[in-house]
PDB file of N, CA and C in Angstrom:
ATOM      1  N   UNK A   1      32.719 135.296 -51.356  1.00  0.00           N
ATOM      2  CA  UNK A   1      31.592 134.387 -51.715  1.00  0.00           C
ATOM      3  C   UNK A   1      31.425 133.224 -51.769  1.00  0.00           C
ATOM      4  N   UNK A   2      30.640 132.372 -51.269  1.00  0.00           N
ATOM      5  CA  UNK A   2      30.265 131.182 -50.171  1.00  0.00           C
ATOM      6  C   UNK A   2      30.255 130.488 -51.703  1.00  0.00           C
ATOM      7  N   UNK A   3      30.848 129.204 -51.823  1.00  0.00           N
ATOM      8  CA  UNK A   3      30.804 128.106 -52.483  1.00  0.00           C
ATOM      9  C   UNK A   3      29.063 126.990 -52.416  1.00  0.00           C
ATOM     10  N   UNK A   4      28.526 127.359 -53.857  1.00  0.00           N
ATOM     11  CA  UNK A   4      27.533 126.268 -53.059  1.00  0.00           C
ATOM     12  C   UNK A   4      27.669 124.764 -53.369  1.00  0.00           C
ATOM     13  N   UNK A   5      26.693 123.944 -52.631  1.00  0.00           N
ATOM     14  CA  UNK A   5      26.916 122.277 -52.815  1.00  0.00           C
ATOM     15  C   UNK A   5      25.296 122.105 -52.545  1.00  0.00           C
ATOM     16  N   UNK A   6      25.171 121.593 -53.630  1.00  0.00           N
ATOM     17  CA  UNK A   6      23.879 120.877 -53.733  1.00  0.00           C
ATOM     18  C   UNK A   6      23.906 119.604 -52.391  1.00  0.00           C
ATOM     19  N   UNK A   7      22.646 119.232 -52.016  1.00  0.00           N
ATOM     20  CA  UNK A   7      22.504 117.736 -50.829  1.00  0.00           C
ATOM     21  C   UNK A   7      21.452 117.116 -51.499  1.00  0.00           C
ATOM     22  N   UNK A   8      21.760 115.996 -51.674  1.00  0.00           N
ATOM     23  CA  UNK A   8      20.640 115.138 -52.401  1.00  0.00           C
ATOM     24  C   UNK A   8      20.702 113.817 -51.743  1.00  0.00           C
ATOM     25  N   UNK A   9      21.244 113.528 -50.426  1.00  0.00           N
ATOM     26  CA  UNK A   9      20.946 112.448 -49.343  1.00  0.00           C
ATOM     27  C   UNK A   9      21.629 112.942 -47.933  1.00  0.00           C
ATOM     28  N   UNK A  10      21.054 112.680 -47.387  1.00  0.00           N
ATOM     29  CA  UNK A  10      21.233 112.647 -45.966  1.00  0.00           C
ATOM     30  C   UNK A  10      21.492 111.520 -44.987  1.00  0.00           C
ATOM     31  N   UNK A  11      23.041 111.778 -44.153  1.00  0.00           N
ATOM     32  CA  UNK A  11      22.954 110.521 -43.112  1.00  0.00           C
ATOM     33  C   UNK A  11      22.143 110.757 -41.869  1.00  0.00           C
ATOM     34  N   UNK A  12      21.598 109.519 -41.275  1.00  0.00           N
ATOM     35  CA  UNK A  12      21.028 109.652 -40.256  1.00  0.00           C
ATOM     36  C   UNK A  12      21.039 108.577 -39.231  1.00  0.00           C
ATOM     37  N   UNK A  13      20.863 108.701 -38.048  1.00  0.00           N
ATOM     38  CA  UNK A  13      21.588 107.801 -37.004  1.00  0.00           C
ATOM     39  C   UNK A  13      20.000 107.218 -36.600  1.00  0.00           C
ATOM     40  N   UNK A  14      19.937 106.481 -35.280  1.00  0.00           N
ATOM     41  CA  UNK A  14      19.521 105.497 -35.402  1.00  0.00           C
ATOM     42  C   UNK A  14      18.155 106.082 -34.833  1.00  0.00           C
ATOM     43  N   UNK A  15      17.998 107.855 -34.369  1.00  0.00           N
ATOM     44  CA  UNK A  15      17.001 108.304 -33.823  1.00  0.00           C
ATOM     45  C   UNK A  15      16.541 109.219 -35.099  1.00  0.00           C
ATOM     46  N   UNK A  16      17.088 109.215 -36.099  1.00  0.00           N
ATOM     47  CA  UNK A  16      16.716 109.858 -37.269  1.00  0.00           C
ATOM     48  C   UNK A  16      17.184 111.325 -37.386  1.00  0.00           C
ATOM     49  N   UNK A  17      18.406 111.730 -36.077  1.00  0.00           N
ATOM     50  CA  UNK A  17      18.934 113.263 -36.385  1.00  0.00           C
ATOM     51  C   UNK A  17      20.049 113.076 -37.629  1.00  0.00           C
ATOM     52  N   UNK A  18      20.133 114.314 -38.329  1.00  0.00           N
ATOM     53  CA  UNK A  18      21.173 114.209 -39.620  1.00  0.00           C
ATOM     54  C   UNK A  18      22.720 114.141 -38.718  1.00  0.00           C
ATOM     55  N   UNK A  19      23.446 113.215 -39.363  1.00  0.00           N
ATOM     56  CA  UNK A  19      24.240 113.236 -39.243  1.00  0.00           C
ATOM     57  C   UNK A  19      25.226 113.651 -40.229  1.00  0.00           C
ATOM     58  N   UNK A  20      25.218 113.935 -41.904  1.00  0.00           N
ATOM     59  CA  UNK A  20      25.952 114.154 -42.324  1.00  0.00           C
ATOM     60  C   UNK A  20      25.202 114.371 -43.782  1.00  0.00           C
ATOM     61  N   UNK A  21      25.893 115.488 -44.605  1.00  0.00           N
ATOM     62  CA  UNK A  21      25.403 115.210 -45.555  1.00  0.00           C
ATOM     63  C   UNK A  21      26.042 115.285 -47.076  1.00  0.00           C
ATOM     64  N   UNK A  22      24.985 114.674 -48.233  1.00  0.00           N
ATOM     65  CA  UNK A  22      25.959 113.663 -49.380  1.00  0.00           C
ATOM     66  C   UNK A  22      25.436 114.207 -50.889  1.00  0.00           C
ATOM     67  N   UNK A  23      26.027 114.352 -51.621  1.00  0.00           N
ATOM     68  CA  UNK A  23      25.826 114.272 -53.398  1.00  0.00           C
ATOM     69  C   UNK A  23      26.962 113.492 -53.815  1.00  0.00           C
ATOM     70  N   UNK A  24      26.598 112.310 -54.246  1.00  0.00           N
ATOM     71  CA  UNK A  24      27.130 111.191 -55.116  1.00  0.00           C
ATOM     72  C   UNK A  24      28.636 111.781 -55.797  1.00  0.00           C
ATOM     73  N   UNK A  25      29.364 111.288 -55.830  1.00  0.00           N
ATOM     74  CA  UNK A  25      30.356 111.626 -56.909  1.00  0.00           C
ATOM     75  C   UNK A  25      30.900 113.391 -56.727  1.00  0.00           C
ATOM     76  N   UNK A  26      30.922 113.684 -55.555  1.00  0.00           N
ATOM     77  CA  UNK A  26      31.508 114.917 -55.041  1.00  0.00           C
ATOM     78  C   UNK A  26      32.676 114.844 -54.251  1.00  0.00           C
ATOM     79  N   UNK A  27      34.149 115.314 -54.318  1.00  0.00           N
ATOM     80  CA  UNK A  27      35.005 114.988 -53.561  1.00  0.00           C
ATOM     81  C   UNK A  27      34.379 115.740 -52.038  1.00  0.00           C
ATOM     82  N   UNK A  28      33.760 116.397 -51.857  1.00  0.00           N
ATOM     83  CA  UNK A  28      33.537 116.507 -50.331  1.00  0.00           C
ATOM     84  C   UNK A  28      32.548 115.806 -50.055  1.00  0.00           C
ATOM     85  N   UNK A  29      31.836 114.999 -50.176  1.00  0.00           N
ATOM     86  CA  UNK A  29      30.701 114.043 -50.083  1.00  0.00           C
ATOM     87  C   UNK A  29      31.522 112.739 -50.006  1.00  0.00           C
ATOM     88  N   UNK A  30      30.713 112.507 -48.283  1.00  0.00           N
ATOM     89  CA  UNK A  30      30.112 113.235 -47.622  1.00  0.00           C
ATOM     90  C   UNK A  30      30.646 113.885 -46.784  1.00  0.00           C
ATOM     91  N   UNK A  31      29.528 114.882 -46.285  1.00  0.00           N
ATOM     92  CA  UNK A  31      30.132 116.193 -44.953  1.00  0.00           C
ATOM     93  C   UNK A  31      29.366 115.590 -43.738  1.00  0.00           C
ATOM     94  N   UNK A  32      30.148 115.593 -42.615  1.00  0.00           N
ATOM     95  CA  UNK A  32      29.810 115.563 -41.424  1.00  0.00           C
ATOM     96  C   UNK A  32      28.851 117.043 -41.226  1.00  0.00           C
ATOM     97  N   UNK A  33      28.057 116.526 -39.698  1.00  0.00           N
ATOM     98  CA  UNK A  33      27.094 117.624 -39.030  1.00  0.00           C
ATOM     99  C   UNK A  33      28.203 118.623 -39.164  1.00  0.00           C
ATOM    100  N   UNK A  34      29.161 117.810 -38.460  1.00  0.00           N
ATOM    101  CA  UNK A  34      29.902 119.585 -37.979  1.00  0.00           C
ATOM    102  C   UNK A  34      30.870 120.024 -38.528  1.00  0.00           C
ATOM    103  N   UNK A  35      31.023 119.172 -39.549  1.00  0.00           N
ATOM    104  CA  UNK A  35      32.040 120.207 -40.314  1.00  0.00           C
ATOM    105  C   UNK A  35      31.093 121.140 -41.231  1.00  0.00           C
ATOM    106  N   UNK A  36      30.004 120.211 -41.852  1.00  0.00           N
ATOM    107  CA  UNK A  36      28.687 121.282 -42.369  1.00  0.00           C
ATOM    108  C   UNK A  36      28.817 122.693 -41.821  1.00  0.00           C
ATOM    109  N   UNK A  37      28.216 122.376 -40.456  1.00  0.00           N
ATOM    110  CA  UNK A  37      27.936 123.950 -38.947  1.00  0.00           C
ATOM    111  C   UNK A  37      29.061 124.795 -39.763  1.00  0.00           C
ATOM    112  N   UNK A  38      30.227 124.233 -39.473  1.00  0.00           N
ATOM    113  CA  UNK A  38      31.384 125.176 -39.263  1.00  0.00           C
ATOM    114  C   UNK A  38      31.668 125.944 -41.192  1.00  0.00           C
ATOM    115  N   UNK A  39      31.201 124.884 -42.143  1.00  0.00           N
ATOM    116  CA  UNK A  39      31.298 125.571 -43.442  1.00  0.00           C
ATOM    117  C   UNK A  39      30.109 126.783 -43.668  1.00  0.00           C
ATOM    118  N   UNK A  40      28.859 126.264 -42.627  1.00  0.00           N
ATOM    119  CA  UNK A  40      28.119 127.141 -43.431  1.00  0.00           C
ATOM    120  C   UNK A  40      27.996 128.830 -42.258  1.00  0.00           C
ATOM    121  N   UNK A  41      28.877 128.769 -41.012  1.00  0.00           N
ATOM    122  CA  UNK A  41      28.699 129.486 -40.049  1.00  0.00           C
ATOM    123  C   UNK A  41      30.163 130.433 -40.688  1.00  0.00           C
ATOM    124  N   UNK A  42      31.048 129.773 -40.796  1.00  0.00           N
ATOM    125  CA  UNK A  42      32.143 130.382 -41.396  1.00  0.00           C
ATOM    126  C   UNK A  42      32.293 130.994 -42.858  1.00  0.00           C
ATOM    127  N   UNK A  43      30.905 130.792 -43.499  1.00  0.00           N
ATOM    128  CA  UNK A  43      30.667 131.775 -44.767  1.00  0.00           C
ATOM    129  C   UNK A  43      31.542 131.188 -45.946  1.00  0.00           C
ATOM    130  N   UNK A  44      32.017 129.635 -45.671  1.00  0.00           N
ATOM    131  CA  UNK A  44      32.824 129.597 -46.848  1.00  0.00           C
ATOM    132  C   UNK A  44      31.981 128.834 -48.250  1.00  0.00           C
ATOM    133  N   UNK A  45      30.875 127.923 -47.339  1.00  0.00           N
ATOM    134  CA  UNK A  45      30.004 127.494 -48.228  1.00  0.00           C
ATOM    135  C   UNK A  45      28.397 127.237 -47.808  1.00  0.00           C
ATOM    136  N   UNK A  46      27.710 127.615 -48.704  1.00  0.00           N
ATOM    137  CA  UNK A  46      26.321 127.494 -49.087  1.00  0.00           C
ATOM    138  C   UNK A  46      25.776 125.653 -49.403  1.00  0.00           C
ATOM    139  N   UNK A  47      25.008 124.958 -48.327  1.00  0.00           N
ATOM    140  CA  UNK A  47      24.691 124.138 -49.077  1.00  0.00           C
ATOM    141  C   UNK A  47      23.031 124.227 -48.959  1.00  0.00           C
ATOM    142  N   UNK A  48      22.308 123.558 -49.973  1.00  0.00           N
ATOM    143  CA  UNK A  48      21.428 123.511 -50.681  1.00  0.00           C
ATOM    144  C   UNK A  48      20.679 122.508 -50.977  1.00  0.00           C
ATOM    145  N   UNK A  49      19.379 121.658 -51.259  1.00  0.00           N
ATOM    146  CA  UNK A  49      18.200 121.162 -51.528  1.00  0.00           C
ATOM    147  C   UNK A  49      17.823 121.612 -52.749  1.00  0.00           C
ATOM    148  N   UNK A  50      18.224 120.790 -54.263  1.00  0.00           N
ATOM    149  CA  UNK A  50      17.855 121.521 -55.066  1.00  0.00           C
ATOM    150  C   UNK A  50      16.352 120.857 -55.028  1.00  0.00           C
ATOM    151  N   UNK A  51      15.375 121.610 -55.686  1.00  0.00           N
ATOM    152  CA  UNK A  51      13.772 121.139 -56.359  1.00  0.00           C
ATOM    153  C   UNK A  51      14.014 121.361 -57.273  1.00  0.00           C
ATOM    154  N   UNK A  52      12.383 120.604 -57.613  1.00  0.00           N
ATOM    155  CA  UNK A  52      12.026 120.339 -59.404  1.00  0.00           C
ATOM    156  C   UNK A  52      11.867 121.754 -60.041  1.00  0.00           C
ATOM    157  N   UNK A  53      11.482 122.420 -59.054  1.00  0.00           N
ATOM    158  CA  UNK A  53      11.267 123.549 -59.886  1.00  0.00           C
ATOM    159  C   UNK A  53      12.521 124.462 -60.477  1.00  0.00           C
ATOM    160  N   UNK A  54      13.524 124.273 -59.747  1.00  0.00           N
ATOM    161  CA  UNK A  54      14.781 124.703 -60.286  1.00  0.00           C
ATOM    162  C   UNK A  54      15.391 125.653 -59.057  1.00  0.00           C
ATOM    163  N   UNK A  55      14.381 125.568 -58.333  1.00  0.00           N
ATOM    164  CA  UNK A  55      14.808 126.509 -57.027  1.00  0.00           C
ATOM    165  C   UNK A  55      15.519 126.023 -55.992  1.00  0.00           C
ATOM    166  N   UNK A  56      16.021 126.394 -54.877  1.00  0.00           N
ATOM    167  CA  UNK A  56      17.142 125.923 -54.356  1.00  0.00           C
ATOM    168  C   UNK A  56      16.848 125.964 -52.427  1.00  0.00           C
ATOM    169  N   UNK A  57      16.486 125.492 -52.139  1.00  0.00           N
ATOM    170  CA  UNK A  57      16.537 125.440 -50.335  1.00  0.00           C
ATOM    171  C   UNK A  57      17.624 125.761 -49.280  1.00  0.00           C
ATOM    172  N   UNK A  58      17.719 126.555 -48.983  1.00  0.00           N
ATOM    173  CA  UNK A  58      18.998 126.516 -48.202  1.00  0.00           C
ATOM    174  C   UNK A  58      18.928 125.912 -46.949  1.00  0.00           C
ATOM    175  N   UNK A  59      19.967 124.974 -46.789  1.00  0.00           N
ATOM    176  CA  UNK A  59      20.482 124.286 -45.368  1.00  0.00           C
ATOM    177  C   UNK A  59      20.624 125.405 -44.370  1.00  0.00           C
ATOM    178  N   UNK A  60      20.358 125.032 -43.236  1.00  0.00           N
ATOM    179  CA  UNK A  60      20.820 126.258 -42.248  1.00  0.00           C
ATOM    180  C   UNK A  60      21.127 125.690 -41.203  1.00  0.00           C
ATOM    181  N   UNK A  61      21.888 126.521 -40.027  1.00  0.00           N
ATOM    182  CA  UNK A  61      21.939 125.592 -38.677  1.00  0.00           C
ATOM    183  C   UNK A  61      21.165 126.474 -37.861  1.00  0.00           C
ATOM    184  N   UNK A  62      20.850 125.405 -36.911  1.00  0.00           N
ATOM    185  CA  UNK A  62      19.901 125.887 -36.370  1.00  0.00           C
ATOM    186  C   UNK A  62      20.122 125.224 -34.379  1.00  0.00           C
ATOM    187  N   UNK A  63      20.058 126.665 -33.223  1.00  0.00           N
ATOM    188  CA  UNK A  63      20.451 126.276 -32.219  1.00  0.00           C
ATOM    189  C   UNK A  63      19.297 125.845 -31.285  1.00  0.00           C
ATOM    190  N   UNK A  64      19.422 124.485 -31.190  1.00  0.00           N
ATOM    191  CA  UNK A  64      18.030 123.898 -30.678  1.00  0.00           C
ATOM    192  C   UNK A  64      18.671 123.320 -29.099  1.00  0.00           C
ATOM    193  N   UNK A  65      17.501 122.925 -28.226  1.00  0.00           N
ATOM    194  CA  UNK A  65      17.761 122.311 -26.658  1.00  0.00           C
ATOM    195  C   UNK A  65      19.221 121.637 -26.840  1.00  0.00           C
ATOM    196  N   UNK A  66      19.389 121.001 -27.378  1.00  0.00           N
ATOM    197  CA  UNK A  66      20.294 119.817 -27.407  1.00  0.00           C
ATOM    198  C   UNK A  66      21.422 120.432 -28.281  1.00  0.00           C
ATOM    199  N   UNK A  67      21.968 121.349 -28.786  1.00  0.00           N
ATOM    200  CA  UNK A  67      23.067 121.930 -29.638  1.00  0.00           C
ATOM    201  C   UNK A  67      22.983 122.066 -31.127  1.00  0.00           C
ATOM    202  N   UNK A  68      23.264 122.718 -31.586  1.00  0.00           N
ATOM    203  CA  UNK A  68      23.020 122.887 -33.249  1.00  0.00           C
ATOM    204  C   UNK A  68      22.795 121.843 -34.353  1.00  0.00           C
ATOM    205  N   UNK A  69      21.864 121.741 -34.797  1.00  0.00           N
ATOM    206  CA  UNK A  69      21.540 121.138 -36.033  1.00  0.00           C
ATOM    207  C   UNK A  69      21.359 121.950 -37.572  1.00  0.00           C
ATOM    208  N   UNK A  70      21.377 120.679 -38.554  1.00  0.00           N
ATOM    209  CA  UNK A  70      20.815 121.211 -39.535  1.00  0.00           C
ATOM    210  C   UNK A  70      19.500 121.096 -40.204  1.00  0.00           C
ATOM    211  N   UNK A  71      19.135 121.820 -40.621  1.00  0.00           N
ATOM    212  CA  UNK A  71      17.795 122.196 -40.924  1.00  0.00           C
ATOM    213  C   UNK A  71      17.255 122.805 -42.474  1.00  0.00           C
ATOM    214  N   UNK A  72      16.558 122.272 -43.301  1.00  0.00           N
ATOM    215  CA  UNK A  72      16.011 123.248 -44.057  1.00  0.00           C
ATOM    216  C   UNK A  72      14.224 123.100 -43.935  1.00  0.00           C
ATOM    217  N   UNK A  73      13.609 124.127 -44.894  1.00  0.00           N
ATOM    218  CA  UNK A  73      11.989 124.165 -44.380  1.00  0.00           C
ATOM    219  C   UNK A  73      11.430 124.378 -45.911  1.00  0.00           C
ATOM    220  N   UNK A  74      11.579 123.346 -46.876  1.00  0.00           N
ATOM    221  CA  UNK A  74      10.725 123.638 -48.239  1.00  0.00           C
ATOM    222  C   UNK A  74       9.442 123.626 -48.237  1.00  0.00           C
ATOM    223  N   UNK A  75       8.939 123.006 -47.521  1.00  0.00           N
ATOM    224  CA  UNK A  75       7.202 122.985 -47.199  1.00  0.00           C
ATOM    225  C   UNK A  75       6.275 123.665 -46.369  1.00  0.00           C
ATOM    226  N   UNK A  76       7.042 124.698 -45.797  1.00  0.00           N
ATOM    227  CA  UNK A  76       6.152 125.815 -44.838  1.00  0.00           C
ATOM    228  C   UNK A  76       5.803 124.630 -43.366  1.00  0.00           C
ATOM    229  N   UNK A  77       6.229 123.645 -43.414  1.00  0.00           N
ATOM    230  CA  UNK A  77       6.000 122.451 -42.170  1.00  0.00           C
ATOM    231  C   UNK A  77       7.039 123.152 -40.941  1.00  0.00           C
ATOM    232  N   UNK A  78       6.397 122.508 -39.740  1.00  0.00           N
ATOM    233  CA  UNK A  78       7.753 122.957 -38.388  1.00  0.00           C
ATOM    234  C   UNK A  78       8.954 121.563 -38.390  1.00  0.00           C
ATOM    235  N   UNK A  79       8.045 120.526 -39.162  1.00  0.00           N
ATOM    236  CA  UNK A  79       9.272 119.171 -39.862  1.00  0.00           C
ATOM    237  C   UNK A  79      10.878 119.749 -40.518  1.00  0.00           C
ATOM    238  N   UNK A  80      11.538 119.148 -40.171  1.00  0.00           N
ATOM    239  CA  UNK A  80      12.436 119.339 -40.389  1.00  0.00           C
ATOM    240  C   UNK A  80      12.796 118.813 -42.074  1.00  0.00           C
ATOM    241  N   UNK A  81      13.168 119.036 -43.123  1.00  0.00           N
ATOM    242  CA  UNK A  81      12.616 118.411 -44.413  1.00  0.00           C
ATOM    243  C   UNK A  81      14.149 117.629 -45.041  1.00  0.00           C
ATOM    244  N   UNK A  82      14.857 117.746 -44.290  1.00  0.00           N
ATOM    245  CA  UNK A  82      16.350 116.896 -44.847  1.00  0.00           C
ATOM    246  C   UNK A  82      15.600 115.631 -44.130  1.00  0.00           C
ATOM    247  N   UNK A  83      15.007 115.508 -43.343  1.00  0.00           N
ATOM    248  CA  UNK A  83      14.591 113.822 -42.322  1.00  0.00           C
ATOM    249  C   UNK A  83      14.164 113.285 -44.000  1.00  0.00           C
ATOM    250  N   UNK A  84      13.363 113.999 -45.004  1.00  0.00           N
ATOM    251  CA  UNK A  84      12.925 113.443 -45.917  1.00  0.00           C
ATOM    252  C   UNK A  84      13.386 112.648 -47.171  1.00  0.00           C
ATOM    253  N   UNK A  85      15.010 113.437 -47.207  1.00  0.00           N
ATOM    254  CA  UNK A  85      15.771 112.598 -47.888  1.00  0.00           C
ATOM    255  C   UNK A  85      16.495 111.379 -48.269  1.00  0.00           C
ATOM    256  N   UNK A  86      16.599 110.846 -49.139  1.00  0.00           N
ATOM    257  CA  UNK A  86      17.313 109.534 -48.986  1.00  0.00           C
ATOM    258  C   UNK A  86      18.312 109.432 -48.447  1.00  0.00           C
ATOM    259  N   UNK A  87      18.840 108.223 -47.853  1.00  0.00           N
ATOM    260  CA  UNK A  87      19.732 108.234 -46.722  1.00  0.00           C
ATOM    261  C   UNK A  87      21.444 107.565 -47.498  1.00  0.00           C
ATOM    262  N   UNK A  88      22.201 108.261 -47.016  1.00  0.00           N
ATOM    263  CA  UNK A  88      24.060 108.236 -47.387  1.00  0.00           C
ATOM    264  C   UNK A  88      24.469 107.373 -45.825  1.00  0.00           C
ATOM    265  N   UNK A  89      25.822 107.363 -46.152  1.00  0.00           N
ATOM    266  CA  UNK A  89      26.659 107.260 -44.880  1.00  0.00           C
ATOM    267  C   UNK A  89      27.567 107.824 -44.985  1.00  0.00           C
ATOM    268  N   UNK A  90      27.968 108.378 -43.649  1.00  0.00           N
ATOM    269  CA  UNK A  90      29.226 108.965 -43.560  1.00  0.00           C
ATOM    270  C   UNK A  90      30.506 108.191 -42.637  1.00  0.00           C
TER     271      UNK A  90
END
C-alpha cells in the first residue's frame, strides 16, 4: 500500500514548470520532480493536495510533449493547479 504525502507548496523554474514538491517539517521535503515521478510510478508513495473541505486531490504523472511532468486538477480546468500553490525551494 502506498504511503500518502500531502503537498502544500511547489518549486518552480523560471518558466513556471514544477520542479519539486514540498511540505514544511517533513523529512522527505523538498522532493525533486524526478524523484516524485519515480515514487508515484513505482507505487511507493501517493502525493496529494489537501483541500479545505477535507478531500484529497491526487498529484499524477502526465506524459507531455516534452516528457513527464506532475499535475493535479482540483478545479475542472485544463490548467495544472500545482502552479497555484505557494513557492518552495528544492
